[in-house]
C-alpha atoms as a PDB file:
ATOM      1  CA  MET A   1      62.638  -7.419  34.845  1.00  0.00           C
ATOM      2  CA  LYS A   2      64.533 -10.169  33.043  1.00  0.00           C
ATOM      3  CA  ARG A   3      62.835 -13.001  34.806  1.00  0.00           C
ATOM      4  CA  ASN A   4      59.308 -11.440  33.999  1.00  0.00           C
ATOM      5  CA  ALA A   5      60.145 -11.200  30.335  1.00  0.00           C
ATOM      6  CA  VAL A   6      61.228 -14.878  30.154  1.00  0.00           C
ATOM      7  CA  ILE A   7      58.115 -15.965  31.876  1.00  0.00           C
ATOM      8  CA  ALA A   8      55.877 -14.017  29.626  1.00  0.00           C
ATOM      9  CA  ALA A   9      57.581 -15.343  26.439  1.00  0.00           C
ATOM     10  CA  LEU A  10      57.435 -19.119  27.745  1.00  0.00           C
ATOM     11  CA  THR A  11      53.654 -18.628  28.623  1.00  0.00           C
ATOM     12  CA  ALA A  12      53.068 -17.146  25.031  1.00  0.00           C
ATOM     13  CA  VAL A  13      54.758 -20.041  23.409  1.00  0.00           C
ATOM     14  CA  ALA A  14      52.787 -22.688  25.349  1.00  0.00           C
ATOM     15  CA  VAL A  15      49.457 -20.913  24.590  1.00  0.00           C
ATOM     16  CA  ILE A  16      50.152 -20.458  20.755  1.00  0.00           C
ATOM     17  CA  GLY A  17      51.657 -24.012  20.319  1.00  0.00           C
ATOM     18  CA  GLY A  18      48.858 -25.589  22.270  1.00  0.00           C
ATOM     19  CA  GLY A  19      51.393 -27.633  24.221  1.00  0.00           C
ATOM     20  CA  ALA A  20      52.661 -27.984  27.753  1.00  0.00           C
ATOM     21  CA  ALA A  21      55.408 -25.987  29.159  1.00  0.00           C
ATOM     22  CA  ALA A  22      57.228 -26.105  32.470  1.00  0.00           C
ATOM     23  CA  VAL A  23      58.195 -22.838  33.786  1.00  0.00           C
ATOM     24  CA  ALA A  24      61.490 -22.582  35.570  1.00  0.00           C
ATOM     25  CA  VAL A  25      61.795 -19.610  37.996  1.00  0.00           C
ATOM     26  CA  SER A  26      65.119 -18.548  39.618  1.00  0.00           C
ATOM     27  CA  SER A  27      65.190 -16.907  42.943  1.00  0.00           C
ATOM     28  CA  GLY A  28      67.750 -14.403  41.626  1.00  0.00           C
ATOM     29  CA  ASP A  29      68.708 -12.895  38.293  1.00  0.00           C
ATOM     30  CA  ASP A  30      71.464 -15.247  37.576  1.00  0.00           C
ATOM     31  CA  ALA A  31      70.769 -18.457  39.682  1.00  0.00           C
ATOM     32  CA  PRO A  32      68.228 -20.893  38.081  1.00  0.00           C
ATOM     33  CA  ALA A  33      65.618 -22.643  40.244  1.00  0.00           C
ATOM     34  CA  THR A  34      63.492 -25.770  39.323  1.00  0.00           C
ATOM     35  CA  ALA A  35      59.720 -25.164  39.878  1.00  0.00           C
ATOM     36  CA  SER A  36      58.010 -27.592  42.451  1.00  0.00           C
ATOM     37  CA  PRO A  37      55.394 -29.765  41.386  1.00  0.00           C
ATOM     38  CA  ALA A  38      52.676 -27.576  42.733  1.00  0.00           C
ATOM     39  CA  ASP A  39      53.951 -24.752  40.414  1.00  0.00           C
ATOM     40  CA  ARG A  40      53.991 -26.818  37.239  1.00  0.00           C
ATOM     41  CA  VAL A  41      50.875 -26.015  34.803  1.00  0.00           C
ATOM     42  CA  SER A  42      49.668 -28.640  32.447  1.00  0.00           C
ATOM     43  CA  LEU A  43      47.851 -27.511  29.298  1.00  0.00           C
ATOM     44  CA  VAL A  44      46.229 -30.019  27.056  1.00  0.00           C
ATOM     45  CA  SER A  45      44.717 -28.697  23.780  1.00  0.00           C
ATOM     46  CA  GLY A  46      40.835 -29.159  23.586  1.00  0.00           C
ATOM     47  CA  GLN A  47      40.538 -31.442  26.550  1.00  0.00           C
ATOM     48  CA  GLU A  48      40.351 -31.275  30.373  1.00  0.00           C
ATOM     49  CA  THR A  49      41.866 -34.046  32.417  1.00  0.00           C
ATOM     50  CA  ALA A  50      39.781 -35.477  35.252  1.00  0.00           C
ATOM     51  CA  ALA A  51      41.073 -34.803  38.699  1.00  0.00           C
ATOM     52  CA  PRO A  52      41.969 -37.965  40.713  1.00  0.00           C
ATOM     53  CA  ALA A  53      39.580 -36.854  43.486  1.00  0.00           C
ATOM     54  CA  ASP A  54      36.711 -36.832  40.813  1.00  0.00           C
ATOM     55  CA  ARG A  55      37.538 -40.438  39.904  1.00  0.00           C
ATOM     56  CA  ASP A  56      37.695 -41.675  43.491  1.00  0.00           C
ATOM     57  CA  ASP A  57      34.187 -39.977  44.003  1.00  0.00           C
ATOM     58  CA  ASP A  58      32.898 -41.897  40.836  1.00  0.00           C
ATOM     59  CA  GLN A  59      34.360 -45.222  42.080  1.00  0.00           C
ATOM     60  CA  ASP A  60      32.794 -44.524  45.647  1.00  0.00           C
ATOM     61  CA  ASP A  61      29.281 -43.766  43.975  1.00  0.00           C
ATOM     62  CA  GLU A  62      29.660 -46.986  41.896  1.00  0.00           C
ATOM     63  CA  GLN A  63      30.515 -49.043  44.973  1.00  0.00           C
ATOM     64  CA  ASP A  64      27.643 -47.504  46.979  1.00  0.00           C
ATOM     65  CA  ASP A  65      25.310 -48.371  44.142  1.00  0.00           C
ATOM     66  CA  ASP A  66      26.538 -52.024  44.108  1.00  0.00           C
ATOM     67  CA  ARG A  67      26.129 -52.269  47.874  1.00  0.00           C
ATOM     68  CA  ASP A  68      22.645 -50.827  47.707  1.00  0.00           C
ATOM     69  CA  ALA A  69      21.622 -53.108  44.781  1.00  0.00           C
ATOM     70  CA  LYS A  70      23.061 -56.004  46.604  1.00  0.00           C
ATOM     71  CA  GLY A  71      21.195 -54.977  49.891  1.00  0.00           C
ATOM     72  CA  GLU A  72      17.932 -54.787  47.921  1.00  0.00           C
ATOM     73  CA  ASP A  73      18.450 -58.124  46.470  1.00  0.00           C
ATOM     74  CA  ASP A  74      19.102 -59.491  49.935  1.00  0.00           C
ATOM     75  CA  ARG A  75      15.876 -57.876  51.215  1.00  0.00           C
ATOM     76  CA  ASP A  76      13.876 -59.342  48.365  1.00  0.00           C
ATOM     77  CA  ASP A  77      15.365 -62.870  48.966  1.00  0.00           C
ATOM     78  CA  ARG A  78      14.232 -62.478  52.628  1.00  0.00           C
ATOM     79  CA  ASP A  79      10.862 -61.304  51.679  1.00  0.00           C
ATOM     80  CA  ASP A  80      10.451 -64.305  49.143  1.00  0.00           C
ATOM     81  CA  ARG A  81      11.574 -66.619  52.145  1.00  0.00           C
ATOM     82  CA  ASP A  82       8.974 -64.967  54.473  1.00  0.00           C
ATOM     83  CA  ASP A  83       6.119 -65.428  51.897  1.00  0.00           C
ATOM     84  CA  ARG A  84       7.148 -69.097  51.479  1.00  0.00           C
ATOM     85  CA  ASP A  85       6.993 -69.656  55.186  1.00  0.00           C
ATOM     86  CA  ASP A  86       3.606 -67.860  55.437  1.00  0.00           C
ATOM     87  CA  ARG A  87       2.336 -70.027  52.692  1.00  0.00           C
ATOM     88  CA  ARG A  88       3.579 -73.073  54.349  1.00  0.00           C
ATOM     89  CA  ASP A  89       1.919 -72.129  57.507  1.00  0.00           C
ATOM     90  CA  ASP A  90      -1.476 -71.369  55.841  1.00  0.00           C
ATOM     91  CA  ASP A  91      -1.190 -74.756  54.222  1.00  0.00           C
ATOM     92  CA  LYS A  92      -0.781 -76.466  57.634  1.00  0.00           C
ATOM     93  CA  ASP A  93      -3.573 -74.504  59.167  1.00  0.00           C
ATOM     94  CA  ASP A  94      -5.869 -75.673  56.187  1.00  0.00           C
ATOM     95  CA  GLN A  95      -4.912 -79.334  56.571  1.00  0.00           C
ATOM     96  CA  ASP A  96      -5.581 -79.021  60.312  1.00  0.00           C
ATOM     97  CA  ASP A  97      -8.920 -77.602  59.653  1.00  0.00           C
ATOM     98  CA  ARG A  98      -9.660 -80.329  57.161  1.00  0.00           C
ATOM     99  CA  ARG A  99      -8.612 -82.927  59.742  1.00  0.00           C
ATOM    100  CA  ASP A 100     -10.878 -81.332  62.402  1.00  0.00           C
ATOM    101  CA  ASP A 101     -13.742 -81.341  59.903  1.00  0.00           C
ATOM    102  CA  LYS A 102     -13.245 -85.137  59.314  1.00  0.00           C
ATOM    103  CA  GLY A 103     -13.198 -85.650  62.918  1.00  0.00           C
ATOM    104  CA  ALA A 104      -9.623 -86.357  63.667  1.00  0.00           C
ATOM    105  CA  SER A 105     -10.091 -84.612  67.000  1.00  0.00           C
ATOM    106  CA  ALA A 106     -12.881 -86.833  67.823  1.00  0.00           C
ATOM    107  CA  ASP A 107     -11.834 -90.184  69.602  1.00  0.00           C
ATOM    108  CA  PRO A 108     -14.474 -92.964  69.353  1.00  0.00           C
ATOM    109  CA  GLY A 109     -11.852 -95.435  70.569  1.00  0.00           C
ATOM    110  CA  ASN A 110     -11.145 -98.605  68.867  1.00  0.00           C
ATOM    111  CA  VAL A 111     -14.755 -99.303  67.877  1.00  0.00           C
ATOM    112  CA  THR A 112     -16.333 -97.341  64.773  1.00  0.00           C
ATOM    113  CA  ALA A 113     -20.094 -96.551  64.549  1.00  0.00           C
ATOM    114  CA  ALA A 114     -20.512 -99.370  62.125  1.00  0.00           C
ATOM    115  CA  GLN A 115     -18.748-101.869  64.326  1.00  0.00           C
ATOM    116  CA  ALA A 116     -20.855-100.714  67.293  1.00  0.00           C
ATOM    117  CA  ILE A 117     -24.062-101.107  65.208  1.00  0.00           C
ATOM    118  CA  ALA A 118     -22.967-104.507  64.294  1.00  0.00           C
ATOM    119  CA  ALA A 119     -22.332-105.530  67.856  1.00  0.00           C
ATOM    120  CA  ALA A 120     -25.717-104.226  68.988  1.00  0.00           C
ATOM    121  CA  LEU A 121     -27.533-106.049  66.279  1.00  0.00           C
ATOM    122  CA  LYS A 122     -25.786-109.306  67.169  1.00  0.00           C
ATOM    123  CA  HIS A 123     -27.077-108.996  70.624  1.00  0.00           C
ATOM    124  CA  THR A 124     -30.718-107.799  69.698  1.00  0.00           C
ATOM    125  CA  SER A 125     -32.035-108.441  66.148  1.00  0.00           C
ATOM    126  CA  GLY A 126     -34.113-105.407  64.789  1.00  0.00           C
ATOM    127  CA  THR A 127     -33.648-102.233  62.936  1.00  0.00           C
ATOM    128  CA  VAL A 128     -31.146 -99.478  64.172  1.00  0.00           C
ATOM    129  CA  LEU A 129     -32.587 -96.089  64.465  1.00  0.00           C
ATOM    130  CA  SER A 130     -29.469 -94.262  65.893  1.00  0.00           C
ATOM    131  CA  ALA A 131     -26.065 -94.740  67.213  1.00  0.00           C
ATOM    132  CA  ASP A 132     -24.405 -92.074  69.407  1.00  0.00           C
ATOM    133  CA  LEU A 133     -20.932 -91.946  71.125  1.00  0.00           C
ATOM    134  CA  ASP A 134     -21.372 -91.069  74.675  1.00  0.00           C
ATOM    135  CA  ASP A 135     -18.210 -89.441  75.685  1.00  0.00           C
ATOM    136  CA  ASP A 136     -19.330 -88.529  79.413  1.00  0.00           C
ATOM    137  CA  GLY A 137     -16.492 -90.710  81.035  1.00  0.00           C
ATOM    138  CA  ASP A 138     -17.302 -94.240  80.211  1.00  0.00           C
ATOM    139  CA  ARG A 139     -16.874 -93.790  76.346  1.00  0.00           C
ATOM    140  CA  ARG A 140     -19.759 -96.013  75.158  1.00  0.00           C
ATOM    141  CA  TRP A 141     -21.836 -96.322  72.106  1.00  0.00           C
ATOM    142  CA  GLU A 142     -25.507 -96.130  72.696  1.00  0.00           C
ATOM    143  CA  VAL A 143     -27.258 -97.824  69.894  1.00  0.00           C
ATOM    144  CA  GLU A 144     -31.153 -97.753  69.601  1.00  0.00           C
ATOM    145  CA  VAL A 145     -32.681-100.854  68.118  1.00  0.00           C
ATOM    146  CA  ALA A 146     -36.434-101.138  67.259  1.00  0.00           C
ATOM    147  CA  THR A 147     -37.814-104.583  67.358  1.00  0.00           C
ATOM    148  CA  GLY A 148     -41.538-103.861  66.504  1.00  0.00           C
ATOM    149  CA  GLY A 149     -44.175-101.304  67.142  1.00  0.00           C
ATOM    150  CA  SER A 150     -42.962 -98.627  69.846  1.00  0.00           C
ATOM    151  CA  THR A 151     -40.640-100.989  71.360  1.00  0.00           C
ATOM    152  CA  VAL A 152     -36.771 -99.684  71.309  1.00  0.00           C
ATOM    153  CA  HIS A 153     -33.900-101.338  72.928  1.00  0.00           C
ATOM    154  CA  GLU A 154     -30.888 -99.127  73.959  1.00  0.00           C
ATOM    155  CA  ILE A 155     -27.813-101.115  73.837  1.00  0.00           C
ATOM    156  CA  ASP A 156     -24.499 -99.700  75.285  1.00  0.00           C
ATOM    157  CA  VAL A 157     -21.462-100.951  73.442  1.00  0.00           C
ATOM    158  CA  ASP A 158     -17.823-100.395  74.930  1.00  0.00           C
ATOM    159  CA  SER A 159     -15.978 -98.190  72.520  1.00  0.00           C
ATOM    160  CA  THR A 160     -12.653 -99.829  73.128  1.00  0.00           C
ATOM    161  CA  THR A 161     -13.601-103.573  73.215  1.00  0.00           C
ATOM    162  CA  GLY A 162     -16.911-103.588  71.300  1.00  0.00           C
ATOM    163  CA  LYS A 163     -18.655-105.679  73.856  1.00  0.00           C
ATOM    164  CA  VAL A 164     -22.159-105.036  74.955  1.00  0.00           C
ATOM    165  CA  VAL A 165     -22.208-103.790  78.639  1.00  0.00           C
ATOM    166  CA  ARG A 166     -25.596-102.588  79.259  1.00  0.00           C
ATOM    167  CA  THR A 167     -29.248-102.820  77.718  1.00  0.00           C
ATOM    168  CA  GLU A 168     -32.529-101.024  78.543  1.00  0.00           C
ATOM    169  CA  THR A 169     -35.832-101.642  76.794  1.00  0.00           C
ATOM    170  CA  ASP A 170     -38.596 -98.935  76.349  1.00  0.00           C
ATOM    171  CA  ARG A 171     -41.887-100.381  74.985  1.00  0.00           C
ATOM    172  CA  ASP A 172     -43.606 -97.057  74.694  1.00  0.00           C
ATOM    173  CA  GLU A 173     -41.135 -94.703  72.990  1.00  0.00           C
ATOM    174  CA  ASP A 174     -42.706 -91.856  70.963  1.00  0.00           C
ATOM    175  CA  ASP A 175     -42.565 -91.974  67.095  1.00  0.00           C
ATOM    176  CA  ALA A 176     -40.741 -95.345  67.233  1.00  0.00           C
ATOM    177  CA  ALA A 177     -43.382 -97.008  65.055  1.00  0.00           C
ATOM    178  CA  ALA A 178     -43.262 -94.305  62.423  1.00  0.00           C
ATOM    179  CA  GLU A 179     -39.477 -94.352  62.469  1.00  0.00           C
ATOM    180  CA  LEU A 180     -39.366 -97.937  62.070  1.00  0.00           C
ATOM    181  CA  LYS A 181     -41.718 -98.292  59.218  1.00  0.00           C
ATOM    182  CA  ALA A 182     -39.530 -95.421  57.238  1.00  0.00           C
ATOM    183  CA  VAL A 183     -36.343 -97.087  57.955  1.00  0.00           C
ATOM    184  CA  GLN A 184     -37.370-100.753  57.394  1.00  0.00           C
ATOM    185  CA  GLY A 185     -38.241 -99.880  53.857  1.00  0.00           C
ATOM    186  CA  ALA A 186     -35.006 -97.856  53.125  1.00  0.00           C
ATOM    187  CA  LYS A 187     -32.182 -99.008  50.781  1.00  0.00           C
ATOM    188  CA  VAL A 188     -29.645 -97.199  53.231  1.00  0.00           C
ATOM    189  CA  SER A 189     -29.374 -98.414  56.852  1.00  0.00           C
ATOM    190  CA  ALA A 190     -27.767 -96.547  59.692  1.00  0.00           C
ATOM    191  CA  ARG A 191     -24.607 -98.704  59.121  1.00  0.00           C
ATOM    192  CA  ASP A 192     -24.575 -97.654  55.513  1.00  0.00           C
ATOM    193  CA  ALA A 193     -25.001 -94.017  56.282  1.00  0.00           C
ATOM    194  CA  ALA A 194     -22.112 -94.098  58.829  1.00  0.00           C
ATOM    195  CA  ALA A 195     -19.782 -95.775  56.150  1.00  0.00           C
ATOM    196  CA  ALA A 196     -20.828 -93.241  53.609  1.00  0.00           C
ATOM    197  CA  VAL A 197     -19.084 -90.257  55.481  1.00  0.00           C
ATOM    198  CA  ASP A 198     -15.288 -90.024  55.852  1.00  0.00           C
ATOM    199  CA  GLY A 199     -13.796 -89.583  59.184  1.00  0.00           C
ATOM    200  CA  ALA A 200     -14.497 -90.767  62.651  1.00  0.00           C
ATOM    201  CA  VAL A 201     -18.285 -90.846  62.891  1.00  0.00           C
ATOM    202  CA  THR A 202     -19.615 -89.865  66.381  1.00  0.00           C
ATOM    203  CA  SER A 203     -23.339 -90.012  65.836  1.00  0.00           C
ATOM    204  CA  VAL A 204     -25.860 -91.249  63.284  1.00  0.00           C
ATOM    205  CA  GLU A 205     -29.651 -91.120  63.679  1.00  0.00           C
ATOM    206  CA  PHE A 206     -32.857 -91.131  61.682  1.00  0.00           C
ATOM    207  CA  ASP A 207     -34.381 -87.657  61.624  1.00  0.00           C
ATOM    208  CA  ASP A 208     -36.912 -85.956  59.342  1.00  0.00           C
ATOM    209  CA  GLY A 209     -36.808 -88.764  56.697  1.00  0.00           C
ATOM    210  CA  ARG A 210     -33.200 -89.046  56.351  1.00  0.00           C
ATOM    211  CA  TRP A 211     -29.875 -89.979  58.073  1.00  0.00           C
ATOM    212  CA  GLU A 212     -28.087 -87.251  60.003  1.00  0.00           C
ATOM    213  CA  VAL A 213     -24.263 -88.011  60.606  1.00  0.00           C
ATOM    214  CA  GLU A 214     -21.750 -86.123  62.747  1.00  0.00           C
ATOM    215  CA  VAL A 215     -18.149 -86.195  62.254  1.00  0.00           C
ATOM    216  CA  GLY A 216     -16.414 -84.070  64.610  1.00  0.00           C
ATOM    217  CA  GLU A 217     -17.919 -80.572  64.441  1.00  0.00           C
ATOM    218  CA  ALA A 218     -19.160 -81.206  60.913  1.00  0.00           C
ATOM    219  CA  ASP A 219     -22.906 -82.358  60.144  1.00  0.00           C
ATOM    220  CA  TRP A 220     -23.741 -84.615  57.255  1.00  0.00           C
ATOM    221  CA  THR A 221     -26.875 -85.933  55.609  1.00  0.00           C
ATOM    222  CA  VAL A 222     -27.413 -89.192  53.733  1.00  0.00           C
ATOM    223  CA  PRO A 223     -30.643 -89.932  52.107  1.00  0.00           C
ATOM    224  CA  LEU A 224     -32.644 -93.289  52.599  1.00  0.00           C
ATOM    225  CA  ASP A 225     -32.458 -94.186  48.954  1.00  0.00           C
ATOM    226  CA  THR A 226     -28.701 -93.832  48.187  1.00  0.00           C
ATOM    227  CA  PRO A 227     -25.507 -93.779  50.194  1.00  0.00           C
ATOM    228  CA  ARG A 228     -24.423 -90.220  48.979  1.00  0.00           C
ATOM    229  CA  ALA A 229     -23.480 -87.839  51.767  1.00  0.00           C
ATOM    230  CA  SER A 230     -23.854 -84.079  51.691  1.00  0.00           C
ATOM    231  CA  ARG A 231     -22.322 -81.676  54.224  1.00  0.00           C
ATOM    232  CA  GLU A 232     -24.776 -79.327  55.861  1.00  0.00           C
ATOM    233  CA  GLY A 233     -24.002 -75.504  56.038  1.00  0.00           C
END
């Protein structure tokens, strides 16, 4: 009875005063005993103290948020690097396509179309109607030189040395006279047409009132009055 009265009195004082009280409980009527930490009650006026477990949870949540943000930044960096790599690959593919269009894949040897035409005209004077790179094994330029009427000389020029290696004459070639007439009065020769197109020219010939020039897989046209090339297609 005496112990219960003491406890009730102390509790009332703690509640009324708004402070903290430590309650001492004895195991008997006369022998005092000190309460263990688990039995102590802390009362704080108007406030609730945060439990350590709650603080730990908040810290863990903040750390998780930091890790998530860092992981997201790392993924963004990797995505940016991948995008840059893709753009570099696309640029390289575009450059390869442009080189192919200019005839980088074609290999006319050491002798260009203009040089082959010059070698053919040195061998036989006349007007060049066409020059075509024959890549069927011997790699020769086949240059057609008209000398008058329907007479056309086919002159083969080695694409490596630039030397004439074979000639053949056709005195009755169809349409040779009309082509010769059109080309003789033109301001742009076959050699001029070949020089008007960038890249390794593999063929130049007169057709349908203009010069047609091939560079790799690309086809170009050059008018007879001005050396201005236009790509077909």
